[in-house]
Amino acid sequence: MKKILAEWKGYLMSGISYMLPVVIGGSLVVAVPKLIGLCFGITSFDAYKTGFWFYMGQIEAVGWIGVGLVNLVLAGYIAYAIGDKPALAAGFIGGSLASSSNMGFLGALVAGFAAGYTARWCHNKLHVGEKFESIMPLVVVPLLSTMVVAILMGVILKQPLTWINVSLVAWIKQMSTSGVSAITLAVIMGAMIGSDLGGPVNKAAWMAGNVLLAEKIYTPAMIVNVAIAGIPLGYAFATTFFKHRFSDELLDAGLSDWFMGFIGITEGAIPFTLVNPLKLIPINMIAGAAGSAYLIGLIVCAAIIGVLAPLAVDFNQTQSEEQVTDDNEDDININFEA
């Protein structure tokens, strides 16, 4: 079991290593025009149709495209680490679906591992005649691995996750209008933001805040924005004061998290959280809940993660190079030759 967990850890760290430049590059391209605008009191470029601020808005939009690729790259390169190049297509498709369907980074993990292991199984267990070997990595493996991802992500998981999202939005809206105390609401919504960092639970809290903001109910939007900013700031804080607990790659990511936190890009916390989700997701939730419940919430949220995360997890992880292939199962031979 330990060997399997070490393998999974290695595949995950491989995906993170490819994802980090995308997170950092995209977020910094968002941050630069944002910060320039804020220096002149401009919080949004949407109203500008020409001129300097219009072009700043176009640059920011390109950065958001980069941030939006996080799940695609994560799933694709987890799949690549497991099943090599034939697994890339299914991994990319599954990661893209995780983003478009609000499944978040947890959905991307499912897609990446499903694509990778399907591709590996095809490579190890399906054999064709020498004449047709070239079609395996180009046609057969991408077809079967993408089909598995399509069934898993597009059929089995999509409807339940959509139902979760809609139900949670309705629940938060009902709480906000039924006299539930602001602290109780803050604890619940802050924990939701920290739970899956862009997944259905996080998106439900964020969406409810925006829906209610349009109805001139302001508290939920304030709550979610504290957690959205505070969680990446927490990891920025941790990499600043606990440098010995982090790898060089994550130290670089921590620098960009200062910017991501200030402009509200929660995805900056994903590379850190993926190092040990079982320990770090609860810490993210506690920080989001506690931070949203207090007037000095941003500091509280960042401080909890900044202290607890490096104490709970050693982020100096290296990619495992062990790969185990079980050769005990029977191979399936497919012979197309006459």
C-alpha atoms as a PDB file:
ATOM      1  CA  MET A   1       0.000   0.000   0.000  1.00  0.00           C
ATOM      2  CA  LYS A   2       2.846   2.393   0.848  1.00  0.00           C
ATOM      3  CA  LYS A   3       4.361   1.729  -2.560  1.00  0.00           C
ATOM      4  CA  ILE A   4       1.098   2.608  -4.294  1.00  0.00           C
ATOM      5  CA  LEU A   5       0.703   5.802  -2.267  1.00  0.00           C
ATOM      6  CA  ALA A   6       4.289   6.763  -3.111  1.00  0.00           C
ATOM      7  CA  GLU A   7       3.505   6.233  -6.799  1.00  0.00           C
ATOM      8  CA  TRP A   8       0.384   8.376  -6.600  1.00  0.00           C
ATOM      9  CA  LYS A   9       2.347  11.066  -4.805  1.00  0.00           C
ATOM     10  CA  GLY A  10       4.921  11.047  -7.576  1.00  0.00           C
ATOM     11  CA  TYR A  11       2.292  11.381 -10.304  1.00  0.00           C
ATOM     12  CA  LEU A  12       0.631  14.197  -8.401  1.00  0.00           C
ATOM     13  CA  MET A  13       3.889  16.081  -7.917  1.00  0.00           C
ATOM     14  CA  SER A  14       4.607  15.695 -11.628  1.00  0.00           C
ATOM     15  CA  GLY A  15       1.268  17.334 -12.430  1.00  0.00           C
ATOM     16  CA  ILE A  16       1.978  20.120  -9.944  1.00  0.00           C
ATOM     17  CA  SER A  17       5.420  20.794 -11.437  1.00  0.00           C
ATOM     18  CA  TYR A  18       3.869  21.386 -14.869  1.00  0.00           C
ATOM     19  CA  MET A  19       0.974  23.370 -13.406  1.00  0.00           C
ATOM     20  CA  LEU A  20       3.060  25.850 -11.393  1.00  0.00           C
ATOM     21  CA  PRO A  21       4.324  27.950 -14.343  1.00  0.00           C
ATOM     22  CA  VAL A  22       0.750  28.226 -15.617  1.00  0.00           C
ATOM     23  CA  VAL A  23      -0.555  29.386 -12.235  1.00  0.00           C
ATOM     24  CA  ILE A  24       2.283  31.834 -11.714  1.00  0.00           C
ATOM     25  CA  GLY A  25       2.396  33.189 -15.263  1.00  0.00           C
ATOM     26  CA  GLY A  26      -1.346  33.629 -15.593  1.00  0.00           C
ATOM     27  CA  SER A  27      -1.863  35.155 -12.181  1.00  0.00           C
ATOM     28  CA  LEU A  28       0.976  37.664 -12.538  1.00  0.00           C
ATOM     29  CA  VAL A  29      -0.342  38.795 -15.920  1.00  0.00           C
ATOM     30  CA  VAL A  30      -3.665  39.401 -14.165  1.00  0.00           C
ATOM     31  CA  ALA A  31      -1.992  41.141 -11.242  1.00  0.00           C
ATOM     32  CA  VAL A  32       0.127  43.695 -13.120  1.00  0.00           C
ATOM     33  CA  PRO A  33      -2.716  45.600 -14.870  1.00  0.00           C
ATOM     34  CA  LYS A  34      -4.896  45.180 -11.752  1.00  0.00           C
ATOM     35  CA  LEU A  35      -2.307  46.841  -9.551  1.00  0.00           C
ATOM     36  CA  ILE A  36      -1.683  49.620 -12.083  1.00  0.00           C
ATOM     37  CA  GLY A  37      -5.421  50.270 -12.191  1.00  0.00           C
ATOM     38  CA  LEU A  38      -5.734  50.304  -8.412  1.00  0.00           C
ATOM     39  CA  CYS A  39      -2.999  52.943  -8.209  1.00  0.00           C
ATOM     40  CA  PHE A  40      -5.373  55.209 -10.150  1.00  0.00           C
ATOM     41  CA  GLY A  41      -8.506  54.138  -8.281  1.00  0.00           C
ATOM     42  CA  ILE A  42      -9.738  51.844 -11.079  1.00  0.00           C
ATOM     43  CA  THR A  43     -11.087  48.484  -9.890  1.00  0.00           C
ATOM     44  CA  SER A  44     -12.510  47.266 -13.201  1.00  0.00           C
ATOM     45  CA  PHE A  45     -11.588  47.861 -16.849  1.00  0.00           C
ATOM     46  CA  ASP A  46     -14.970  46.727 -18.198  1.00  0.00           C
ATOM     47  CA  ALA A  47     -16.260  50.255 -18.777  1.00  0.00           C
ATOM     48  CA  TYR A  48     -13.351  51.207 -21.038  1.00  0.00           C
ATOM     49  CA  LYS A  49     -13.790  50.498 -24.752  1.00  0.00           C
ATOM     50  CA  THR A  50     -10.707  52.301 -26.079  1.00  0.00           C
ATOM     51  CA  GLY A  51      -7.424  53.736 -24.863  1.00  0.00           C
ATOM     52  CA  PHE A  52      -4.845  52.688 -22.300  1.00  0.00           C
ATOM     53  CA  TRP A  53      -7.231  51.174 -19.744  1.00  0.00           C
ATOM     54  CA  PHE A  54      -8.967  49.143 -22.444  1.00  0.00           C
ATOM     55  CA  TYR A  55      -5.615  47.545 -23.316  1.00  0.00           C
ATOM     56  CA  MET A  56      -4.922  46.913 -19.648  1.00  0.00           C
ATOM     57  CA  GLY A  57      -8.227  45.054 -19.550  1.00  0.00           C
ATOM     58  CA  GLN A  58      -7.206  42.975 -22.573  1.00  0.00           C
ATOM     59  CA  ILE A  59      -3.939  42.016 -20.892  1.00  0.00           C
ATOM     60  CA  GLU A  60      -5.806  41.063 -17.722  1.00  0.00           C
ATOM     61  CA  ALA A  61      -8.193  38.895 -19.761  1.00  0.00           C
ATOM     62  CA  VAL A  62      -5.238  36.964 -21.200  1.00  0.00           C
ATOM     63  CA  GLY A  63      -3.990  36.329 -17.674  1.00  0.00           C
ATOM     64  CA  TRP A  64      -7.372  34.933 -16.659  1.00  0.00           C
ATOM     65  CA  ILE A  65      -7.187  32.528 -19.599  1.00  0.00           C
ATOM     66  CA  GLY A  66      -3.911  31.279 -18.139  1.00  0.00           C
ATOM     67  CA  VAL A  67      -5.449  30.821 -14.685  1.00  0.00           C
ATOM     68  CA  GLY A  68      -8.328  28.949 -16.313  1.00  0.00           C
ATOM     69  CA  LEU A  69      -5.884  26.378 -17.717  1.00  0.00           C
ATOM     70  CA  VAL A  70      -4.820  25.174 -14.267  1.00  0.00           C
ATOM     71  CA  ASN A  71      -7.092  22.114 -14.126  1.00  0.00           C
ATOM     72  CA  LEU A  72      -6.404  21.203 -17.760  1.00  0.00           C
ATOM     73  CA  VAL A  73      -2.633  21.183 -17.223  1.00  0.00           C
ATOM     74  CA  LEU A  74      -2.877  19.400 -13.877  1.00  0.00           C
ATOM     75  CA  ALA A  75      -5.038  16.564 -15.229  1.00  0.00           C
ATOM     76  CA  GLY A  76      -3.089  16.300 -18.472  1.00  0.00           C
ATOM     77  CA  TYR A  77       0.305  15.907 -16.864  1.00  0.00           C
ATOM     78  CA  ILE A  78      -0.875  13.572 -14.126  1.00  0.00           C
ATOM     79  CA  ALA A  79      -2.176  11.408 -16.978  1.00  0.00           C
ATOM     80  CA  TYR A  80       1.148  11.838 -18.816  1.00  0.00           C
ATOM     81  CA  ALA A  81       3.141  10.781 -15.753  1.00  0.00           C
ATOM     82  CA  ILE A  82       1.110   7.563 -15.531  1.00  0.00           C
ATOM     83  CA  GLY A  83       0.378   6.651 -19.129  1.00  0.00           C
ATOM     84  CA  ASP A  84       2.893   8.674 -21.185  1.00  0.00           C
ATOM     85  CA  LYS A  85       1.970  10.712 -24.292  1.00  0.00           C
ATOM     86  CA  PRO A  86      -1.069   8.616 -25.364  1.00  0.00           C
ATOM     87  CA  ALA A  87      -2.775   9.639 -22.090  1.00  0.00           C
ATOM     88  CA  LEU A  88      -2.361  13.384 -22.646  1.00  0.00           C
ATOM     89  CA  ALA A  89      -5.466  13.865 -24.797  1.00  0.00           C
ATOM     90  CA  ALA A  90      -7.838  12.293 -22.283  1.00  0.00           C
ATOM     91  CA  GLY A  91      -6.150  14.117 -19.419  1.00  0.00           C
ATOM     92  CA  PHE A  92      -6.461  17.515 -21.101  1.00  0.00           C
ATOM     93  CA  ILE A  93     -10.077  16.884 -22.029  1.00  0.00           C
ATOM     94  CA  GLY A  94     -10.943  15.732 -18.510  1.00  0.00           C
ATOM     95  CA  GLY A  95      -9.179  18.716 -16.946  1.00  0.00           C
ATOM     96  CA  SER A  96     -11.001  21.118 -19.245  1.00  0.00           C
ATOM     97  CA  LEU A  97     -14.301  19.463 -18.339  1.00  0.00           C
ATOM     98  CA  ALA A  98     -13.432  19.776 -14.642  1.00  0.00           C
ATOM     99  CA  SER A  99     -13.163  23.556 -15.130  1.00  0.00           C
ATOM    100  CA  SER A 100     -16.213  24.029 -17.352  1.00  0.00           C
ATOM    101  CA  SER A 101     -18.405  21.873 -15.096  1.00  0.00           C
ATOM    102  CA  ASN A 102     -17.151  23.452 -11.839  1.00  0.00           C
ATOM    103  CA  MET A 103     -15.639  20.168 -10.624  1.00  0.00           C
ATOM    104  CA  GLY A 104     -12.482  22.014  -9.611  1.00  0.00           C
ATOM    105  CA  PHE A 105      -9.068  20.550  -8.924  1.00  0.00           C
ATOM    106  CA  LEU A 106     -10.589  17.437  -7.315  1.00  0.00           C
ATOM    107  CA  GLY A 107     -12.346  16.701 -10.596  1.00  0.00           C
ATOM    108  CA  ALA A 108      -9.068  17.293 -12.420  1.00  0.00           C
ATOM    109  CA  LEU A 109      -7.371  14.729 -10.169  1.00  0.00           C
ATOM    110  CA  VAL A 110     -10.045  12.148 -10.968  1.00  0.00           C
ATOM    111  CA  ALA A 111      -9.708  12.839 -14.696  1.00  0.00           C
ATOM    112  CA  GLY A 112      -5.917  12.689 -14.667  1.00  0.00           C
ATOM    113  CA  PHE A 113      -5.672   9.406 -12.814  1.00  0.00           C
ATOM    114  CA  ALA A 114      -8.493   7.813 -14.828  1.00  0.00           C
ATOM    115  CA  ALA A 115      -6.912   8.845 -18.139  1.00  0.00           C
ATOM    116  CA  GLY A 116      -3.443   7.776 -17.100  1.00  0.00           C
ATOM    117  CA  TYR A 117      -4.328   4.358 -15.761  1.00  0.00           C
ATOM    118  CA  THR A 118      -6.609   3.595 -18.707  1.00  0.00           C
ATOM    119  CA  ALA A 119      -3.809   4.479 -21.124  1.00  0.00           C
ATOM    120  CA  ARG A 120      -1.304   2.375 -19.179  1.00  0.00           C
ATOM    121  CA  TRP A 121      -3.673  -0.602 -19.126  1.00  0.00           C
ATOM    122  CA  CYS A 122      -4.171  -0.323 -22.883  1.00  0.00           C
ATOM    123  CA  HIS A 123      -0.423  -0.181 -23.477  1.00  0.00           C
ATOM    124  CA  ASN A 124       0.344  -3.157 -21.241  1.00  0.00           C
ATOM    125  CA  LYS A 125      -2.606  -5.416 -21.965  1.00  0.00           C
ATOM    126  CA  LEU A 126      -3.781  -4.786 -25.517  1.00  0.00           C
ATOM    127  CA  HIS A 127      -1.505  -6.213 -28.188  1.00  0.00           C
ATOM    128  CA  VAL A 128      -1.871  -5.992 -31.950  1.00  0.00           C
ATOM    129  CA  GLY A 129       0.134  -7.335 -34.811  1.00  0.00           C
ATOM    130  CA  GLU A 130       3.345  -5.517 -35.720  1.00  0.00           C
ATOM    131  CA  LYS A 131       1.689  -4.072 -38.812  1.00  0.00           C
ATOM    132  CA  PHE A 132      -0.814  -2.147 -36.689  1.00  0.00           C
ATOM    133  CA  GLU A 133       1.347  -1.118 -33.738  1.00  0.00           C
ATOM    134  CA  SER A 134       1.455   2.501 -34.865  1.00  0.00           C
ATOM    135  CA  ILE A 135      -2.308   2.936 -34.431  1.00  0.00           C
ATOM    136  CA  MET A 136      -2.226   2.052 -30.723  1.00  0.00           C
ATOM    137  CA  PRO A 137      -0.763   5.319 -29.328  1.00  0.00           C
ATOM    138  CA  LEU A 138      -2.430   7.473 -31.991  1.00  0.00           C
ATOM    139  CA  VAL A 139      -5.924   5.983 -32.161  1.00  0.00           C
ATOM    140  CA  VAL A 140      -6.782   3.130 -29.815  1.00  0.00           C
ATOM    141  CA  VAL A 141      -5.300   4.415 -26.540  1.00  0.00           C
ATOM    142  CA  PRO A 142      -6.596   8.020 -26.900  1.00  0.00           C
ATOM    143  CA  LEU A 143     -10.012   6.697 -27.919  1.00  0.00           C
ATOM    144  CA  LEU A 144     -10.416   4.329 -24.978  1.00  0.00           C
ATOM    145  CA  SER A 145      -8.904   6.639 -22.355  1.00  0.00           C
ATOM    146  CA  THR A 146     -10.961   9.620 -23.516  1.00  0.00           C
ATOM    147  CA  MET A 147     -14.099   7.465 -23.552  1.00  0.00           C
ATOM    148  CA  VAL A 148     -13.470   6.413 -19.946  1.00  0.00           C
ATOM    149  CA  VAL A 149     -13.006  10.058 -18.914  1.00  0.00           C
ATOM    150  CA  ALA A 150     -16.121  11.084 -20.860  1.00  0.00           C
ATOM    151  CA  ILE A 151     -18.252   8.480 -19.112  1.00  0.00           C
ATOM    152  CA  LEU A 152     -16.793   9.196 -15.680  1.00  0.00           C
ATOM    153  CA  MET A 153     -16.750  13.001 -15.848  1.00  0.00           C
ATOM    154  CA  GLY A 154     -19.500  13.747 -18.351  1.00  0.00           C
ATOM    155  CA  VAL A 155     -22.076  11.173 -17.265  1.00  0.00           C
ATOM    156  CA  ILE A 156     -21.440   9.728 -13.810  1.00  0.00           C
ATOM    157  CA  LEU A 157     -20.134  12.784 -11.915  1.00  0.00           C
ATOM    158  CA  LYS A 158     -21.564  15.771 -13.797  1.00  0.00           C
ATOM    159  CA  GLN A 159     -25.206  15.554 -12.705  1.00  0.00           C
ATOM    160  CA  PRO A 160     -24.513  14.891  -8.994  1.00  0.00           C
ATOM    161  CA  LEU A 161     -22.049  17.781  -8.860  1.00  0.00           C
ATOM    162  CA  THR A 162     -24.477  20.110 -10.644  1.00  0.00           C
ATOM    163  CA  TRP A 163     -27.170  19.152  -8.136  1.00  0.00           C
ATOM    164  CA  ILE A 164     -24.772  19.863  -5.242  1.00  0.00           C
ATOM    165  CA  ASN A 165     -23.986  23.295  -6.675  1.00  0.00           C
ATOM    166  CA  VAL A 166     -27.620  24.317  -7.210  1.00  0.00           C
ATOM    167  CA  SER A 167     -28.711  22.985  -3.818  1.00  0.00           C
ATOM    168  CA  LEU A 168     -25.936  24.741  -1.919  1.00  0.00           C
ATOM    169  CA  VAL A 169     -26.660  28.077  -3.608  1.00  0.00           C
ATOM    170  CA  ALA A 170     -30.330  27.775  -2.637  1.00  0.00           C
ATOM    171  CA  TRP A 171     -29.386  26.804   0.924  1.00  0.00           C
ATOM    172  CA  ILE A 172     -27.051  29.782   1.383  1.00  0.00           C
ATOM    173  CA  LYS A 173     -29.626  32.158  -0.068  1.00  0.00           C
ATOM    174  CA  GLN A 174     -32.260  30.807   2.315  1.00  0.00           C
ATOM    175  CA  MET A 175     -29.932  31.223   5.312  1.00  0.00           C
ATOM    176  CA  SER A 176     -29.033  34.771   4.276  1.00  0.00           C
ATOM    177  CA  THR A 177     -32.657  35.860   4.186  1.00  0.00           C
ATOM    178  CA  SER A 178     -33.993  33.920   7.193  1.00  0.00           C
ATOM    179  CA  GLY A 179     -32.227  35.635  10.071  1.00  0.00           C
ATOM    180  CA  VAL A 180     -29.259  33.293  10.547  1.00  0.00           C
ATOM    181  CA  SER A 181     -26.517  35.145  12.440  1.00  0.00           C
ATOM    182  CA  ALA A 182     -23.749  36.735  10.392  1.00  0.00           C
ATOM    183  CA  ILE A 183     -21.066  34.770  12.276  1.00  0.00           C
ATOM    184  CA  THR A 184     -22.759  31.428  11.584  1.00  0.00           C
ATOM    185  CA  LEU A 185     -23.130  32.336   7.926  1.00  0.00           C
ATOM    186  CA  ALA A 186     -19.497  33.467   7.772  1.00  0.00           C
ATOM    187  CA  VAL A 187     -18.212  30.226   9.292  1.00  0.00           C
ATOM    188  CA  ILE A 188     -20.206  28.112   6.827  1.00  0.00           C
ATOM    189  CA  MET A 189     -19.385  30.122   3.714  1.00  0.00           C
ATOM    190  CA  GLY A 190     -15.729  30.615   4.635  1.00  0.00           C
ATOM    191  CA  ALA A 191     -15.308  26.860   5.113  1.00  0.00           C
ATOM    192  CA  MET A 192     -17.003  26.236   1.770  1.00  0.00           C
ATOM    193  CA  ILE A 193     -14.562  28.537  -0.023  1.00  0.00           C
ATOM    194  CA  GLY A 194     -11.628  26.657   1.504  1.00  0.00           C
ATOM    195  CA  SER A 195     -12.988  23.179   0.820  1.00  0.00           C
ATOM    196  CA  ASP A 196     -12.267  22.543  -2.853  1.00  0.00           C
ATOM    197  CA  LEU A 197     -10.753  25.792  -4.209  1.00  0.00           C
ATOM    198  CA  GLY A 198     -12.846  26.189  -7.335  1.00  0.00           C
ATOM    199  CA  GLY A 199     -14.922  23.003  -7.135  1.00  0.00           C
ATOM    200  CA  PRO A 200     -18.706  22.752  -6.706  1.00  0.00           C
ATOM    201  CA  VAL A 201     -18.751  23.643  -2.999  1.00  0.00           C
ATOM    202  CA  ASN A 202     -16.448  26.648  -3.443  1.00  0.00           C
ATOM    203  CA  LYS A 203     -18.320  27.816  -6.537  1.00  0.00           C
ATOM    204  CA  ALA A 204     -21.672  27.511  -4.773  1.00  0.00           C
ATOM    205  CA  ALA A 205     -20.545  29.872  -1.993  1.00  0.00           C
ATOM    206  CA  TRP A 206     -19.010  32.297  -4.495  1.00  0.00           C
ATOM    207  CA  MET A 207     -22.082  32.221  -6.733  1.00  0.00           C
ATOM    208  CA  ALA A 208     -24.461  32.724  -3.822  1.00  0.00           C
ATOM    209  CA  GLY A 209     -22.465  35.746  -2.707  1.00  0.00           C
ATOM    210  CA  ASN A 210     -22.717  37.302  -6.171  1.00  0.00           C
ATOM    211  CA  VAL A 211     -26.389  36.450  -6.643  1.00  0.00           C
ATOM    212  CA  LEU A 212     -27.269  38.034  -3.305  1.00  0.00           C
ATOM    213  CA  LEU A 213     -25.050  41.033  -4.021  1.00  0.00           C
ATOM    214  CA  ALA A 214     -27.193  41.728  -7.091  1.00  0.00           C
ATOM    215  CA  GLU A 215     -30.206  41.671  -4.759  1.00  0.00           C
ATOM    216  CA  LYS A 216     -28.489  44.227  -2.476  1.00  0.00           C
ATOM    217  CA  ILE A 217     -27.719  41.684   0.255  1.00  0.00           C
ATOM    218  CA  TYR A 218     -24.055  42.481   0.839  1.00  0.00           C
ATOM    219  CA  THR A 219     -22.830  40.329   3.748  1.00  0.00           C
ATOM    220  CA  PRO A 220     -22.359  37.010   1.862  1.00  0.00           C
ATOM    221  CA  ALA A 221     -20.214  38.673  -0.828  1.00  0.00           C
ATOM    222  CA  MET A 222     -17.994  40.247   1.853  1.00  0.00           C
ATOM    223  CA  ILE A 223     -17.645  36.868   3.580  1.00  0.00           C
ATOM    224  CA  VAL A 224     -16.541  34.941   0.501  1.00  0.00           C
ATOM    225  CA  ASN A 225     -14.077  37.604  -0.596  1.00  0.00           C
ATOM    226  CA  VAL A 226     -12.244  37.412   2.736  1.00  0.00           C
ATOM    227  CA  ALA A 227     -11.732  33.658   2.357  1.00  0.00           C
ATOM    228  CA  ILE A 228     -10.896  33.900  -1.359  1.00  0.00           C
ATOM    229  CA  ALA A 229      -8.093  36.369  -0.649  1.00  0.00           C
ATOM    230  CA  GLY A 230      -6.967  35.019   2.723  1.00  0.00           C
ATOM    231  CA  ILE A 231      -6.239  31.420   1.702  1.00  0.00           C
ATOM    232  CA  PRO A 232      -3.563  32.134  -0.958  1.00  0.00           C
ATOM    233  CA  LEU A 233      -2.166  34.879   1.294  1.00  0.00           C
ATOM    234  CA  GLY A 234      -1.768  32.232   3.975  1.00  0.00           C
ATOM    235  CA  TYR A 235       0.543  30.186   1.776  1.00  0.00           C
ATOM    236  CA  ALA A 236       2.435  33.340   0.801  1.00  0.00           C
ATOM    237  CA  PHE A 237       2.906  34.008   4.521  1.00  0.00           C
ATOM    238  CA  ALA A 238       4.025  30.406   5.128  1.00  0.00           C
ATOM    239  CA  THR A 239       6.653  30.444   2.367  1.00  0.00           C
ATOM    240  CA  THR A 240       8.023  33.712   3.704  1.00  0.00           C
ATOM    241  CA  PHE A 241       8.463  32.641   7.330  1.00  0.00           C
ATOM    242  CA  PHE A 242       8.939  28.851   7.007  1.00  0.00           C
ATOM    243  CA  LYS A 243      11.179  28.649   3.947  1.00  0.00           C
ATOM    244  CA  HIS A 244      12.926  25.473   5.093  1.00  0.00           C
ATOM    245  CA  ARG A 245       9.633  23.566   4.831  1.00  0.00           C
ATOM    246  CA  PHE A 246       9.128  24.277   1.122  1.00  0.00           C
ATOM    247  CA  SER A 247      10.712  23.164  -2.141  1.00  0.00           C
ATOM    248  CA  ASP A 248      12.222  25.787  -4.431  1.00  0.00           C
ATOM    249  CA  GLU A 249       9.268  25.531  -6.839  1.00  0.00           C
ATOM    250  CA  LEU A 250       6.757  26.160  -4.078  1.00  0.00           C
ATOM    251  CA  LEU A 251       8.798  29.039  -2.701  1.00  0.00           C
ATOM    252  CA  ASP A 252       8.466  30.678  -6.116  1.00  0.00           C
ATOM    253  CA  ALA A 253       4.742  29.955  -6.094  1.00  0.00           C
ATOM    254  CA  GLY A 254       4.521  31.549  -2.657  1.00  0.00           C
ATOM    255  CA  LEU A 255       5.895  34.817  -4.033  1.00  0.00           C
ATOM    256  CA  SER A 256       3.147  34.922  -6.648  1.00  0.00           C
ATOM    257  CA  ASP A 257       0.558  34.124  -3.971  1.00  0.00           C
ATOM    258  CA  TRP A 258       1.078  37.579  -2.463  1.00  0.00           C
ATOM    259  CA  PHE A 259      -0.314  38.999  -5.697  1.00  0.00           C
ATOM    260  CA  MET A 260      -2.979  36.294  -6.087  1.00  0.00           C
ATOM    261  CA  GLY A 261      -4.247  36.865  -2.584  1.00  0.00           C
ATOM    262  CA  PHE A 262      -4.528  40.635  -2.960  1.00  0.00           C
ATOM    263  CA  ILE A 263      -6.484  40.350  -6.205  1.00  0.00           C
ATOM    264  CA  GLY A 264      -8.558  37.330  -5.153  1.00  0.00           C
ATOM    265  CA  ILE A 265      -7.277  34.312  -7.117  1.00  0.00           C
ATOM    266  CA  THR A 266      -7.858  31.326  -4.834  1.00  0.00           C
ATOM    267  CA  GLU A 267      -6.240  28.962  -7.351  1.00  0.00           C
ATOM    268  CA  GLY A 268      -2.903  30.113  -5.960  1.00  0.00           C
ATOM    269  CA  ALA A 269      -3.492  27.756  -3.030  1.00  0.00           C
ATOM    270  CA  ILE A 270      -4.020  24.677  -5.220  1.00  0.00           C
ATOM    271  CA  PRO A 271      -0.355  23.643  -5.747  1.00  0.00           C
ATOM    272  CA  PHE A 272       0.243  23.709  -1.987  1.00  0.00           C
ATOM    273  CA  THR A 273      -2.998  21.950  -1.084  1.00  0.00           C
ATOM    274  CA  LEU A 274      -2.282  19.114  -3.519  1.00  0.00           C
ATOM    275  CA  VAL A 275       0.919  18.193  -1.653  1.00  0.00           C
ATOM    276  CA  ASN A 276      -1.242  16.707   1.111  1.00  0.00           C
ATOM    277  CA  PRO A 277      -4.985  17.306   0.535  1.00  0.00           C
ATOM    278  CA  LEU A 278      -6.110  15.231   3.533  1.00  0.00           C
ATOM    279  CA  LYS A 279      -4.301  17.561   5.932  1.00  0.00           C
ATOM    280  CA  LEU A 280      -4.450  20.840   4.057  1.00  0.00           C
ATOM    281  CA  ILE A 281      -8.085  20.962   2.947  1.00  0.00           C
ATOM    282  CA  PRO A 282      -9.274  20.924   6.606  1.00  0.00           C
ATOM    283  CA  ILE A 283      -6.715  23.657   7.411  1.00  0.00           C
ATOM    284  CA  ASN A 284      -7.986  25.725   4.459  1.00  0.00           C
ATOM    285  CA  MET A 285     -11.566  25.274   5.675  1.00  0.00           C
ATOM    286  CA  ILE A 286     -10.732  26.206   9.270  1.00  0.00           C
ATOM    287  CA  ALA A 287      -8.839  29.291   8.087  1.00  0.00           C
ATOM    288  CA  GLY A 288     -11.626  30.345   5.732  1.00  0.00           C
ATOM    289  CA  ALA A 289     -14.271  29.860   8.411  1.00  0.00           C
ATOM    290  CA  ALA A 290     -12.351  31.636  11.170  1.00  0.00           C
ATOM    291  CA  GLY A 291     -11.180  34.460   8.952  1.00  0.00           C
ATOM    292  CA  SER A 292     -14.641  35.168   7.560  1.00  0.00           C
ATOM    293  CA  ALA A 293     -16.141  35.257  11.055  1.00  0.00           C
ATOM    294  CA  TYR A 294     -13.960  38.132  12.334  1.00  0.00           C
ATOM    295  CA  LEU A 295     -13.594  41.786  11.441  1.00  0.00           C
ATOM    296  CA  ILE A 296      -9.852  41.333  10.902  1.00  0.00           C
ATOM    297  CA  GLY A 297     -10.647  38.218   8.898  1.00  0.00           C
ATOM    298  CA  LEU A 298      -7.999  38.498   6.197  1.00  0.00           C
ATOM    299  CA  ILE A 299      -5.209  38.510   8.771  1.00  0.00           C
ATOM    300  CA  VAL A 300      -6.809  35.668  10.753  1.00  0.00           C
ATOM    301  CA  CYS A 301      -7.301  33.498   7.672  1.00  0.00           C
ATOM    302  CA  ALA A 302      -3.773  34.040   6.383  1.00  0.00           C
ATOM    303  CA  ALA A 303      -2.195  33.545   9.815  1.00  0.00           C
ATOM    304  CA  ILE A 304      -3.945  30.208  10.441  1.00  0.00           C
ATOM    305  CA  ILE A 305      -2.762  28.739   7.140  1.00  0.00           C
ATOM    306  CA  GLY A 306       0.630  30.440   7.385  1.00  0.00           C
ATOM    307  CA  VAL A 307       1.371  28.731  10.697  1.00  0.00           C
ATOM    308  CA  LEU A 308      -0.584  25.451  10.598  1.00  0.00           C
ATOM    309  CA  ALA A 309       0.155  24.388   7.006  1.00  0.00           C
ATOM    310  CA  PRO A 310       3.976  24.242   7.296  1.00  0.00           C
ATOM    311  CA  LEU A 311       3.721  22.645  10.742  1.00  0.00           C
ATOM    312  CA  ALA A 312       1.355  19.942   9.435  1.00  0.00           C
ATOM    313  CA  VAL A 313       3.050  19.216   6.107  1.00  0.00           C
ATOM    314  CA  ASP A 314       6.630  19.183   4.838  1.00  0.00           C
ATOM    315  CA  PHE A 315       6.396  20.703   1.360  1.00  0.00           C
ATOM    316  CA  ASN A 316       9.907  19.570   0.405  1.00  0.00           C
ATOM    317  CA  GLN A 317       8.601  16.729  -1.737  1.00  0.00           C
ATOM    318  CA  THR A 318      10.382  15.197  -4.699  1.00  0.00           C
ATOM    319  CA  GLN A 319       8.727  13.316  -7.488  1.00  0.00           C
ATOM    320  CA  SER A 320       8.761   9.574  -7.035  1.00  0.00           C
ATOM    321  CA  GLU A 321      10.375   7.786  -9.960  1.00  0.00           C
ATOM    322  CA  GLU A 322       9.043   4.384  -8.980  1.00  0.00           C
ATOM    323  CA  GLN A 323       6.547   2.941 -11.396  1.00  0.00           C
ATOM    324  CA  VAL A 324       5.156  -0.507 -10.805  1.00  0.00           C
ATOM    325  CA  THR A 325       3.578  -2.565 -13.509  1.00  0.00           C
ATOM    326  CA  ASP A 326       1.624  -5.631 -12.496  1.00  0.00           C
ATOM    327  CA  ASP A 327       2.578  -8.277 -15.013  1.00  0.00           C
ATOM    328  CA  ASN A 328       0.601 -11.033 -13.352  1.00  0.00           C
ATOM    329  CA  GLU A 329      -2.627 -10.325 -15.174  1.00  0.00           C
ATOM    330  CA  ASP A 330      -3.360 -11.997 -18.470  1.00  0.00           C
ATOM    331  CA  ASP A 331      -2.655  -9.957 -21.582  1.00  0.00           C
ATOM    332  CA  ILE A 332      -5.344  -9.443 -24.154  1.00  0.00           C
ATOM    333  CA  ASN A 333      -4.079 -10.150 -27.646  1.00  0.00           C
ATOM    334  CA  ILE A 334      -5.766  -8.518 -30.609  1.00  0.00           C
ATOM    335  CA  ASN A 335      -4.537  -9.631 -34.002  1.00  0.00           C
ATOM    336  CA  PHE A 336      -5.730  -7.718 -37.048  1.00  0.00           C
ATOM    337  CA  GLU A 337      -3.449  -9.540 -39.451  1.00  0.00           C
ATOM    338  CA  ALA A 338      -4.936 -11.869 -42.017  1.00  0.00           C
END
